[in-house]
PDB file of N, CA and C in Angstrom:
ATOM      1  N   UNK A   1     105.625  91.980 188.103  1.00  0.00           N
ATOM      2  CA  UNK A   1     105.880  90.576 187.829  1.00  0.00           C
ATOM      3  C   UNK A   1     104.754  89.688 188.351  1.00  0.00           C
ATOM      4  N   UNK A   2     104.185  90.058 189.527  1.00  0.00           N
ATOM      5  CA  UNK A   2     103.104  89.256 190.083  1.00  0.00           C
ATOM      6  C   UNK A   2     101.902  89.220 189.132  1.00  0.00           C
ATOM      7  N   UNK A   3     101.579  90.365 188.539  1.00  0.00           N
ATOM      8  CA  UNK A   3     100.406  90.435 187.664  1.00  0.00           C
ATOM      9  C   UNK A   3     100.623  89.667 186.368  1.00  0.00           C
ATOM     10  N   UNK A   4     101.843  89.674 185.876  1.00  0.00           N
ATOM     11  CA  UNK A   4     102.153  88.917 184.666  1.00  0.00           C
ATOM     12  C   UNK A   4     101.996  87.418 184.927  1.00  0.00           C
ATOM     13  N   UNK A   5     102.496  86.973 186.078  1.00  0.00           N
ATOM     14  CA  UNK A   5     102.374  85.557 186.438  1.00  0.00           C
ATOM     15  C   UNK A   5     100.898  85.170 186.602  1.00  0.00           C
ATOM     16  N   UNK A   6     100.116  86.048 187.220  1.00  0.00           N
ATOM     17  CA  UNK A   6      98.691  85.785 187.400  1.00  0.00           C
ATOM     18  C   UNK A   6      97.981  85.713 186.047  1.00  0.00           C
ATOM     19  N   UNK A   7      98.312  86.626 185.144  1.00  0.00           N
ATOM     20  CA  UNK A   7      97.703  86.629 183.816  1.00  0.00           C
ATOM     21  C   UNK A   7      98.038  85.345 183.062  1.00  0.00           C
ATOM     22  N   UNK A   8      99.278  84.900 183.143  1.00  0.00           N
ATOM     23  CA  UNK A   8      99.681  83.662 182.484  1.00  0.00           C
ATOM     24  C   UNK A   8      98.948  82.456 183.073  1.00  0.00           C
ATOM     25  N   UNK A   9      98.797  82.446 184.384  1.00  0.00           N
ATOM     26  CA  UNK A   9      98.080  81.363 185.051  1.00  0.00           C
ATOM     27  C   UNK A   9      96.614  81.329 184.606  1.00  0.00           C
ATOM     28  N   UNK A  10      95.973  82.486 184.548  1.00  0.00           N
ATOM     29  CA  UNK A  10      94.576  82.540 184.129  1.00  0.00           C
ATOM     30  C   UNK A  10      94.407  82.089 182.677  1.00  0.00           C
ATOM     31  N   UNK A  11      95.352  82.454 181.821  1.00  0.00           N
ATOM     32  CA  UNK A  11      95.294  82.010 180.426  1.00  0.00           C
ATOM     33  C   UNK A  11      95.431  80.494 180.332  1.00  0.00           C
ATOM     34  N   UNK A  12      96.291  79.922 181.147  1.00  0.00           N
ATOM     35  CA  UNK A  12      96.472  78.474 181.151  1.00  0.00           C
ATOM     36  C   UNK A  12      95.209  77.776 181.643  1.00  0.00           C
ATOM     37  N   UNK A  13      94.575  78.314 182.679  1.00  0.00           N
ATOM     38  CA  UNK A  13      93.352  77.709 183.211  1.00  0.00           C
ATOM     39  C   UNK A  13      92.199  77.842 182.230  1.00  0.00           C
ATOM     40  N   UNK A  14      92.167  78.902 181.462  1.00  0.00           N
ATOM     41  CA  UNK A  14      91.097  79.107 180.506  1.00  0.00           C
ATOM     42  C   UNK A  14      91.018  77.962 179.513  1.00  0.00           C
ATOM     43  N   UNK A  15      92.146  77.420 179.116  1.00  0.00           N
ATOM     44  CA  UNK A  15      92.146  76.326 178.144  1.00  0.00           C
ATOM     45  C   UNK A  15      91.623  75.029 178.743  1.00  0.00           C
ATOM     46  N   UNK A  16      91.525  74.948 180.072  1.00  0.00           N
ATOM     47  CA  UNK A  16      91.028  73.739 180.722  1.00  0.00           C
ATOM     48  C   UNK A  16      89.515  73.755 180.901  1.00  0.00           C
ATOM     49  N   UNK A  17      88.860  74.875 180.610  1.00  0.00           N
ATOM     50  CA  UNK A  17      87.430  74.969 180.822  1.00  0.00           C
ATOM     51  C   UNK A  17      86.666  74.523 179.584  1.00  0.00           C
ATOM     52  N   UNK A  18      85.431  74.107 179.798  1.00  0.00           N
ATOM     53  CA  UNK A  18      84.552  73.745 178.691  1.00  0.00           C
ATOM     54  C   UNK A  18      83.698  74.965 178.379  1.00  0.00           C
ATOM     55  N   UNK A  19      83.905  75.561 177.230  1.00  0.00           N
ATOM     56  CA  UNK A  19      83.193  76.784 176.885  1.00  0.00           C
ATOM     57  C   UNK A  19      81.719  76.524 176.622  1.00  0.00           C
ATOM     58  N   UNK A  20      81.302  75.279 176.643  1.00  0.00           N
ATOM     59  CA  UNK A  20      79.909  74.980 176.410  1.00  0.00           C
ATOM     60  C   UNK A  20      79.157  74.702 177.711  1.00  0.00           C
ATOM     61  N   UNK A  21      79.664  75.219 178.811  1.00  0.00           N
ATOM     62  CA  UNK A  21      78.990  75.133 180.104  1.00  0.00           C
ATOM     63  C   UNK A  21      79.041  76.497 180.776  1.00  0.00           C
ATOM     64  N   UNK A  22      78.066  76.745 181.643  1.00  0.00           N
ATOM     65  CA  UNK A  22      78.129  77.938 182.464  1.00  0.00           C
ATOM     66  C   UNK A  22      77.520  77.635 183.830  1.00  0.00           C
ATOM     67  N   UNK A  23      78.007  78.354 184.831  1.00  0.00           N
ATOM     68  CA  UNK A  23      77.562  78.174 186.211  1.00  0.00           C
ATOM     69  C   UNK A  23      76.462  79.184 186.496  1.00  0.00           C
ATOM     70  N   UNK A  24      75.465  78.746 187.240  1.00  0.00           N
ATOM     71  CA  UNK A  24      74.357  79.618 187.611  1.00  0.00           C
ATOM     72  C   UNK A  24      74.472  79.969 189.093  1.00  0.00           C
ATOM     73  N   UNK A  25      74.216  81.219 189.459  1.00  0.00           N
ATOM     74  CA  UNK A  25      74.299  81.601 190.882  1.00  0.00           C
ATOM     75  C   UNK A  25      73.189  80.943 191.695  1.00  0.00           C
ATOM     76  N   UNK A  26      73.522  80.601 192.927  1.00  0.00           N
ATOM     77  CA  UNK A  26      72.531  80.013 193.831  1.00  0.00           C
ATOM     78  C   UNK A  26      72.420  80.860 195.085  1.00  0.00           C
ATOM     79  N   UNK A  27      71.229  80.860 195.662  1.00  0.00           N
ATOM     80  CA  UNK A  27      70.976  81.562 196.905  1.00  0.00           C
ATOM     81  C   UNK A  27      70.814  80.524 198.009  1.00  0.00           C
ATOM     82  N   UNK A  28      71.475  80.712 199.163  1.00  0.00           N
ATOM     83  CA  UNK A  28      71.309  79.743 200.255  1.00  0.00           C
ATOM     84  C   UNK A  28      69.832  79.568 200.616  1.00  0.00           C
ATOM     85  N   UNK A  29      69.425  78.329 200.778  1.00  0.00           N
ATOM     86  CA  UNK A  29      68.055  78.015 201.167  1.00  0.00           C
ATOM     87  C   UNK A  29      67.055  77.958 200.025  1.00  0.00           C
ATOM     88  N   UNK A  30      67.505  78.203 198.808  1.00  0.00           N
ATOM     89  CA  UNK A  30      66.543  78.164 197.694  1.00  0.00           C
ATOM     90  C   UNK A  30      66.063  76.735 197.460  1.00  0.00           C
ATOM     91  N   UNK A  31      64.805  76.592 197.069  1.00  0.00           N
ATOM     92  CA  UNK A  31      64.218  75.273 196.832  1.00  0.00           C
ATOM     93  C   UNK A  31      63.950  75.031 195.352  1.00  0.00           C
ATOM     94  N   UNK A  32      63.867  76.100 194.563  1.00  0.00           N
ATOM     95  CA  UNK A  32      63.607  76.010 193.125  1.00  0.00           C
ATOM     96  C   UNK A  32      64.454  77.035 192.385  1.00  0.00           C
ATOM     97  N   UNK A  33      64.646  76.796 191.102  1.00  0.00           N
ATOM     98  CA  UNK A  33      65.368  77.749 190.265  1.00  0.00           C
ATOM     99  C   UNK A  33      64.643  77.867 188.928  1.00  0.00           C
ATOM    100  N   UNK A  34      64.891  78.948 188.240  1.00  0.00           N
ATOM    101  CA  UNK A  34      64.218  79.217 186.972  1.00  0.00           C
ATOM    102  C   UNK A  34      65.166  78.994 185.808  1.00  0.00           C
ATOM    103  N   UNK A  35      64.697  78.270 184.798  1.00  0.00           N
ATOM    104  CA  UNK A  35      65.478  78.087 183.575  1.00  0.00           C
ATOM    105  C   UNK A  35      65.470  79.409 182.822  1.00  0.00           C
ATOM    106  N   UNK A  36      66.675  79.916 182.507  1.00  0.00           N
ATOM    107  CA  UNK A  36      66.797  81.219 181.865  1.00  0.00           C
ATOM    108  C   UNK A  36      66.278  81.228 180.428  1.00  0.00           C
ATOM    109  N   UNK A  37      66.223  80.086 179.788  1.00  0.00           N
ATOM    110  CA  UNK A  37      65.781  80.006 178.392  1.00  0.00           C
ATOM    111  C   UNK A  37      64.257  79.883 178.305  1.00  0.00           C
ATOM    112  N   UNK A  38      63.707  78.899 178.998  1.00  0.00           N
ATOM    113  CA  UNK A  38      62.275  78.604 178.871  1.00  0.00           C
ATOM    114  C   UNK A  38      61.406  79.279 179.932  1.00  0.00           C
ATOM    115  N   UNK A  39      62.026  79.768 180.996  1.00  0.00           N
ATOM    116  CA  UNK A  39      61.261  80.402 182.063  1.00  0.00           C
ATOM    117  C   UNK A  39      60.530  79.411 182.955  1.00  0.00           C
ATOM    118  N   UNK A  40      60.907  78.129 182.883  1.00  0.00           N
ATOM    119  CA  UNK A  40      60.268  77.105 183.706  1.00  0.00           C
ATOM    120  C   UNK A  40      60.991  76.982 185.048  1.00  0.00           C
ATOM    121  N   UNK A  41      60.253  76.553 186.054  1.00  0.00           N
ATOM    122  CA  UNK A  41      60.813  76.404 187.407  1.00  0.00           C
ATOM    123  C   UNK A  41      61.126  74.937 187.671  1.00  0.00           C
ATOM    124  N   UNK A  42      62.219  74.692 188.394  1.00  0.00           N
ATOM    125  CA  UNK A  42      62.675  73.325 188.673  1.00  0.00           C
ATOM    126  C   UNK A  42      63.158  73.231 190.111  1.00  0.00           C
ATOM    127  N   UNK A  43      62.927  72.066 190.722  1.00  0.00           N
ATOM    128  CA  UNK A  43      63.359  71.835 192.104  1.00  0.00           C
ATOM    129  C   UNK A  43      64.878  71.694 192.159  1.00  0.00           C
ATOM    130  N   UNK A  44      65.474  72.214 193.220  1.00  0.00           N
ATOM    131  CA  UNK A  44      66.910  72.030 193.443  1.00  0.00           C
ATOM    132  C   UNK A  44      67.185  70.529 193.488  1.00  0.00           C
ATOM    133  N   UNK A  45      68.220  70.083 192.791  1.00  0.00           N
ATOM    134  CA  UNK A  45      68.564  68.667 192.718  1.00  0.00           C
ATOM    135  C   UNK A  45      68.032  67.980 191.464  1.00  0.00           C
ATOM    136  N   UNK A  46      67.141  68.630 190.740  1.00  0.00           N
ATOM    137  CA  UNK A  46      66.605  68.026 189.519  1.00  0.00           C
ATOM    138  C   UNK A  46      67.481  68.376 188.316  1.00  0.00           C
ATOM    139  N   UNK A  47      67.283  67.648 187.241  1.00  0.00           N
ATOM    140  CA  UNK A  47      67.972  67.924 185.976  1.00  0.00           C
ATOM    141  C   UNK A  47      66.919  68.015 184.874  1.00  0.00           C
ATOM    142  N   UNK A  48      67.214  68.807 183.842  1.00  0.00           N
ATOM    143  CA  UNK A  48      66.288  68.956 182.727  1.00  0.00           C
ATOM    144  C   UNK A  48      67.045  69.409 181.491  1.00  0.00           C
ATOM    145  N   UNK A  49      66.401  69.224 180.345  1.00  0.00           N
ATOM    146  CA  UNK A  49      66.929  69.724 179.074  1.00  0.00           C
ATOM    147  C   UNK A  49      65.951  70.784 178.577  1.00  0.00           C
ATOM    148  N   UNK A  50      66.466  71.981 178.282  1.00  0.00           N
ATOM    149  CA  UNK A  50      65.575  73.049 177.824  1.00  0.00           C
ATOM    150  C   UNK A  50      65.454  73.055 176.293  1.00  0.00           C
ATOM    151  N   UNK A  51      64.693  73.994 175.776  1.00  0.00           N
ATOM    152  CA  UNK A  51      64.398  74.037 174.341  1.00  0.00           C
ATOM    153  C   UNK A  51      65.603  74.418 173.484  1.00  0.00           C
ATOM    154  N   UNK A  52      66.685  74.879 174.088  1.00  0.00           N
ATOM    155  CA  UNK A  52      67.914  75.191 173.349  1.00  0.00           C
ATOM    156  C   UNK A  52      68.929  74.046 173.455  1.00  0.00           C
ATOM    157  N   UNK A  53      68.451  72.878 173.926  1.00  0.00           N
ATOM    158  CA  UNK A  53      69.276  71.662 174.040  1.00  0.00           C
ATOM    159  C   UNK A  53      70.391  71.787 175.075  1.00  0.00           C
ATOM    160  N   UNK A  54      70.143  72.556 176.126  1.00  0.00           N
ATOM    161  CA  UNK A  54      71.089  72.651 177.238  1.00  0.00           C
ATOM    162  C   UNK A  54      70.616  71.709 178.335  1.00  0.00           C
ATOM    163  N   UNK A  55      71.549  70.908 178.880  1.00  0.00           N
ATOM    164  CA  UNK A  55      71.265  70.039 180.017  1.00  0.00           C
ATOM    165  C   UNK A  55      71.585  70.828 181.275  1.00  0.00           C
ATOM    166  N   UNK A  56      70.580  71.006 182.129  1.00  0.00           N
ATOM    167  CA  UNK A  56      70.720  71.923 183.258  1.00  0.00           C
ATOM    168  C   UNK A  56      70.431  71.281 184.607  1.00  0.00           C
ATOM    169  N   UNK A  57      70.998  71.908 185.620  1.00  0.00           N
ATOM    170  CA  UNK A  57      70.630  71.735 187.016  1.00  0.00           C
ATOM    171  C   UNK A  57      70.480  73.157 187.553  1.00  0.00           C
ATOM    172  N   UNK A  58      70.146  73.281 188.813  1.00  0.00           N
ATOM    173  CA  UNK A  58      70.058  74.630 189.377  1.00  0.00           C
ATOM    174  C   UNK A  58      71.442  75.261 189.538  1.00  0.00           C
ATOM    175  N   UNK A  59      72.505  74.469 189.430  1.00  0.00           N
ATOM    176  CA  UNK A  59      73.873  74.970 189.567  1.00  0.00           C
ATOM    177  C   UNK A  59      74.532  75.349 188.245  1.00  0.00           C
ATOM    178  N   UNK A  60      74.175  74.644 187.162  1.00  0.00           N
ATOM    179  CA  UNK A  60      74.865  74.894 185.890  1.00  0.00           C
ATOM    180  C   UNK A  60      74.068  74.349 184.718  1.00  0.00           C
ATOM    181  N   UNK A  61      74.469  74.785 183.532  1.00  0.00           N
ATOM    182  CA  UNK A  61      73.922  74.250 182.283  1.00  0.00           C
ATOM    183  C   UNK A  61      75.093  73.963 181.348  1.00  0.00           C
ATOM    184  N   UNK A  62      74.981  72.875 180.601  1.00  0.00           N
ATOM    185  CA  UNK A  62      75.992  72.513 179.608  1.00  0.00           C
ATOM    186  C   UNK A  62      75.272  72.115 178.321  1.00  0.00           C
ATOM    187  N   UNK A  63      75.916  72.374 177.214  1.00  0.00           N
ATOM    188  CA  UNK A  63      75.342  71.975 175.932  1.00  0.00           C
ATOM    189  C   UNK A  63      75.113  70.463 175.941  1.00  0.00           C
ATOM    190  N   UNK A  64      73.954  70.040 175.496  1.00  0.00           N
ATOM    191  CA  UNK A  64      73.610  68.622 175.465  1.00  0.00           C
ATOM    192  C   UNK A  64      73.977  67.975 174.145  1.00  0.00           C
ATOM    193  N   UNK A  65      74.958  68.520 173.470  1.00  0.00           N
ATOM    194  CA  UNK A  65      75.353  68.031 172.153  1.00  0.00           C
ATOM    195  C   UNK A  65      76.827  68.329 171.911  1.00  0.00           C
ATOM    196  N   UNK A  66      77.407  67.659 170.945  1.00  0.00           N
ATOM    197  CA  UNK A  66      78.771  67.967 170.517  1.00  0.00           C
ATOM    198  C   UNK A  66      78.692  68.807 169.246  1.00  0.00           C
ATOM    199  N   UNK A  67      79.684  69.671 169.065  1.00  0.00           N
ATOM    200  CA  UNK A  67      79.744  70.538 167.886  1.00  0.00           C
ATOM    201  C   UNK A  67      80.896  70.087 167.001  1.00  0.00           C
ATOM    202  N   UNK A  68      80.599  69.612 165.800  1.00  0.00           N
ATOM    203  CA  UNK A  68      81.662  69.171 164.886  1.00  0.00           C
ATOM    204  C   UNK A  68      82.587  70.331 164.521  1.00  0.00           C
ATOM    205  N   UNK A  69      83.892  70.090 164.553  1.00  0.00           N
ATOM    206  CA  UNK A  69      84.872  71.116 164.208  1.00  0.00           C
ATOM    207  C   UNK A  69      85.670  70.768 162.954  1.00  0.00           C
ATOM    208  N   UNK A  70      85.878  69.478 162.714  1.00  0.00           N
ATOM    209  CA  UNK A  70      86.636  69.068 161.534  1.00  0.00           C
ATOM    210  C   UNK A  70      85.903  67.943 160.811  1.00  0.00           C
ATOM    211  N   UNK A  71      85.652  68.191 159.535  1.00  0.00           N
ATOM    212  CA  UNK A  71      85.012  67.212 158.672  1.00  0.00           C
ATOM    213  C   UNK A  71      85.404  67.571 157.240  1.00  0.00           C
ATOM    214  N   UNK A  72      85.162  66.707 156.262  1.00  0.00           N
ATOM    215  CA  UNK A  72      85.591  66.985 154.883  1.00  0.00           C
ATOM    216  C   UNK A  72      85.024  68.307 154.342  1.00  0.00           C
ATOM    217  N   UNK A  73      85.784  68.943 153.469  1.00  0.00           N
ATOM    218  CA  UNK A  73      85.402  70.246 152.908  1.00  0.00           C
ATOM    219  C   UNK A  73      84.126  70.204 152.072  1.00  0.00           C
ATOM    220  N   UNK A  74      83.788  69.055 151.525  1.00  0.00           N
ATOM    221  CA  UNK A  74      82.592  68.968 150.692  1.00  0.00           C
ATOM    222  C   UNK A  74      81.338  68.634 151.513  1.00  0.00           C
ATOM    223  N   UNK A  75      81.434  68.825 152.839  1.00  0.00           N
ATOM    224  CA  UNK A  75      80.328  68.529 153.746  1.00  0.00           C
ATOM    225  C   UNK A  75      79.911  69.778 154.520  1.00  0.00           C
ATOM    226  N   UNK A  76      78.709  69.752 155.065  1.00  0.00           N
ATOM    227  CA  UNK A  76      78.196  70.841 155.896  1.00  0.00           C
ATOM    228  C   UNK A  76      77.674  70.267 157.207  1.00  0.00           C
ATOM    229  N   UNK A  77      77.680  71.103 158.219  1.00  0.00           N
ATOM    230  CA  UNK A  77      77.181  70.737 159.535  1.00  0.00           C
ATOM    231  C   UNK A  77      75.859  71.483 159.773  1.00  0.00           C
ATOM    232  N   UNK A  78      74.797  70.733 160.070  1.00  0.00           N
ATOM    233  CA  UNK A  78      73.472  71.320 160.266  1.00  0.00           C
ATOM    234  C   UNK A  78      72.933  70.854 161.621  1.00  0.00           C
ATOM    235  N   UNK A  79      72.435  71.804 162.430  1.00  0.00           N
ATOM    236  CA  UNK A  79      71.915  71.448 163.750  1.00  0.00           C
ATOM    237  C   UNK A  79      70.457  71.022 163.654  1.00  0.00           C
ATOM    238  N   UNK A  80      70.153  69.850 164.211  1.00  0.00           N
ATOM    239  CA  UNK A  80      68.785  69.336 164.287  1.00  0.00           C
ATOM    240  C   UNK A  80      68.287  69.620 165.709  1.00  0.00           C
ATOM    241  N   UNK A  81      67.472  70.656 165.868  1.00  0.00           N
ATOM    242  CA  UNK A  81      67.037  71.074 167.204  1.00  0.00           C
ATOM    243  C   UNK A  81      66.036  70.110 167.838  1.00  0.00           C
ATOM    244  N   UNK A  82      65.390  69.281 167.050  1.00  0.00           N
ATOM    245  CA  UNK A  82      64.478  68.284 167.625  1.00  0.00           C
ATOM    246  C   UNK A  82      65.261  67.142 168.270  1.00  0.00           C
ATOM    247  N   UNK A  83      66.369  66.749 167.650  1.00  0.00           N
ATOM    248  CA  UNK A  83      67.190  65.652 168.173  1.00  0.00           C
ATOM    249  C   UNK A  83      68.366  66.159 169.016  1.00  0.00           C
ATOM    250  N   UNK A  84      68.572  67.474 169.044  1.00  0.00           N
ATOM    251  CA  UNK A  84      69.677  68.096 169.790  1.00  0.00           C
ATOM    252  C   UNK A  84      71.024  67.520 169.354  1.00  0.00           C
ATOM    253  N   UNK A  85      71.244  67.511 168.044  1.00  0.00           N
ATOM    254  CA  UNK A  85      72.512  67.025 167.524  1.00  0.00           C
ATOM    255  C   UNK A  85      72.822  67.653 166.165  1.00  0.00           C
ATOM    256  N   UNK A  86      74.107  67.716 165.867  1.00  0.00           N
ATOM    257  CA  UNK A  86      74.541  68.171 164.548  1.00  0.00           C
ATOM    258  C   UNK A  86      74.590  66.983 163.606  1.00  0.00           C
ATOM    259  N   UNK A  87      74.125  67.189 162.388  1.00  0.00           N
ATOM    260  CA  UNK A  87      74.221  66.201 161.326  1.00  0.00           C
ATOM    261  C   UNK A  87      75.208  66.758 160.310  1.00  0.00           C
ATOM    262  N   UNK A  88      76.213  65.972 159.960  1.00  0.00           N
ATOM    263  CA  UNK A  88      77.191  66.392 158.953  1.00  0.00           C
ATOM    264  C   UNK A  88      76.958  65.551 157.709  1.00  0.00           C
ATOM    265  N   UNK A  89      76.633  66.239 156.604  1.00  0.00           N
ATOM    266  CA  UNK A  89      76.327  65.525 155.369  1.00  0.00           C
ATOM    267  C   UNK A  89      76.964  66.228 154.173  1.00  0.00           C
ATOM    268  N   UNK A  90      76.960  65.542 153.034  1.00  0.00           N
ATOM    269  CA  UNK A  90      77.503  66.110 151.798  1.00  0.00           C
ATOM    270  C   UNK A  90      76.705  67.361 151.431  1.00  0.00           C
ATOM    271  N   UNK A  91      77.408  68.372 150.938  1.00  0.00           N
ATOM    272  CA  UNK A  91      76.733  69.622 150.544  1.00  0.00           C
ATOM    273  C   UNK A  91      75.649  69.386 149.497  1.00  0.00           C
ATOM    274  N   UNK A  92      75.942  68.539 148.544  1.00  0.00           N
ATOM    275  CA  UNK A  92      75.021  68.329 147.435  1.00  0.00           C
ATOM    276  C   UNK A  92      74.103  67.113 147.608  1.00  0.00           C
ATOM    277  N   UNK A  93      74.234  66.403 148.753  1.00  0.00           N
ATOM    278  CA  UNK A  93      73.390  65.225 148.986  1.00  0.00           C
ATOM    279  C   UNK A  93      73.177  65.030 150.488  1.00  0.00           C
ATOM    280  N   UNK A  94      72.099  65.595 151.035  1.00  0.00           N
ATOM    281  CA  UNK A  94      71.834  65.490 152.470  1.00  0.00           C
ATOM    282  C   UNK A  94      71.634  64.063 152.976  1.00  0.00           C
ATOM    283  N   UNK A  95      71.433  63.116 152.088  1.00  0.00           N
ATOM    284  CA  UNK A  95      71.247  61.732 152.528  1.00  0.00           C
ATOM    285  C   UNK A  95      72.576  61.021 152.772  1.00  0.00           C
ATOM    286  N   UNK A  96      73.673  61.616 152.311  1.00  0.00           N
ATOM    287  CA  UNK A  96      74.989  60.988 152.487  1.00  0.00           C
ATOM    288  C   UNK A  96      75.726  61.645 153.656  1.00  0.00           C
ATOM    289  N   UNK A  97      75.852  60.898 154.746  1.00  0.00           N
ATOM    290  CA  UNK A  97      76.525  61.413 155.941  1.00  0.00           C
ATOM    291  C   UNK A  97      78.042  61.433 155.750  1.00  0.00           C
ATOM    292  N   UNK A  98      78.691  62.343 156.461  1.00  0.00           N
ATOM    293  CA  UNK A  98      80.144  62.503 156.375  1.00  0.00           C
ATOM    294  C   UNK A  98      80.801  62.127 157.700  1.00  0.00           C
ATOM    295  N   UNK A  99      82.061  61.742 157.665  1.00  0.00           N
ATOM    296  CA  UNK A  99      82.780  61.467 158.913  1.00  0.00           C
ATOM    297  C   UNK A  99      83.118  62.762 159.629  1.00  0.00           C
ATOM    298  N   UNK A 100      83.161  62.687 160.952  1.00  0.00           N
ATOM    299  CA  UNK A 100      83.559  63.828 161.787  1.00  0.00           C
ATOM    300  C   UNK A 100      84.905  63.465 162.406  1.00  0.00           C
ATOM    301  N   UNK A 101      85.912  64.315 162.174  1.00  0.00           N
ATOM    302  CA  UNK A 101      87.263  64.036 162.649  1.00  0.00           C
ATOM    303  C   UNK A 101      87.533  64.635 164.027  1.00  0.00           C
ATOM    304  N   UNK A 102      86.843  65.729 164.369  1.00  0.00           N
ATOM    305  CA  UNK A 102      87.021  66.370 165.668  1.00  0.00           C
ATOM    306  C   UNK A 102      85.750  67.122 166.043  1.00  0.00           C
ATOM    307  N   UNK A 103      85.434  67.117 167.327  1.00  0.00           N
ATOM    308  CA  UNK A 103      84.248  67.823 167.825  1.00  0.00           C
ATOM    309  C   UNK A 103      84.521  68.300 169.243  1.00  0.00           C
ATOM    310  N   UNK A 104      83.741  69.274 169.707  1.00  0.00           N
ATOM    311  CA  UNK A 104      83.874  69.782 171.066  1.00  0.00           C
ATOM    312  C   UNK A 104      82.539  69.696 171.774  1.00  0.00           C
ATOM    313  N   UNK A 105      82.593  69.631 173.085  1.00  0.00           N
ATOM    314  CA  UNK A 105      81.391  69.638 173.894  1.00  0.00           C
ATOM    315  C   UNK A 105      81.040  68.272 174.442  1.00  0.00           C
ATOM    316  N   UNK A 106      79.967  68.295 175.175  1.00  0.00           N
ATOM    317  CA  UNK A 106      79.397  67.129 175.838  1.00  0.00           C
ATOM    318  C   UNK A 106      80.448  66.239 176.294  1.00  0.00           C
TER     319      UNK A 106
END
């Protein structure tokens, strides 16, 4: 019974987390950390955005963008890596933007 209760608790907590973030391990006394994507070094306490559009510190990284989840069926979602954002537009006309009804992240 204890394990079932623990499993249920963990499942409940899982829904409270943001799947677009992750924690990075730290070593006591460290002064710099390495970005896992770009291989660049950063001082503890600094913040940066890497080439995959993740906003990072030495403790964690989170997606620097929202991901559209619900929009009209005649539209598509395309990621613009230069602007670090999704653009949702009509399938047959990229100049016509579409409304976004639901998104996750950031």
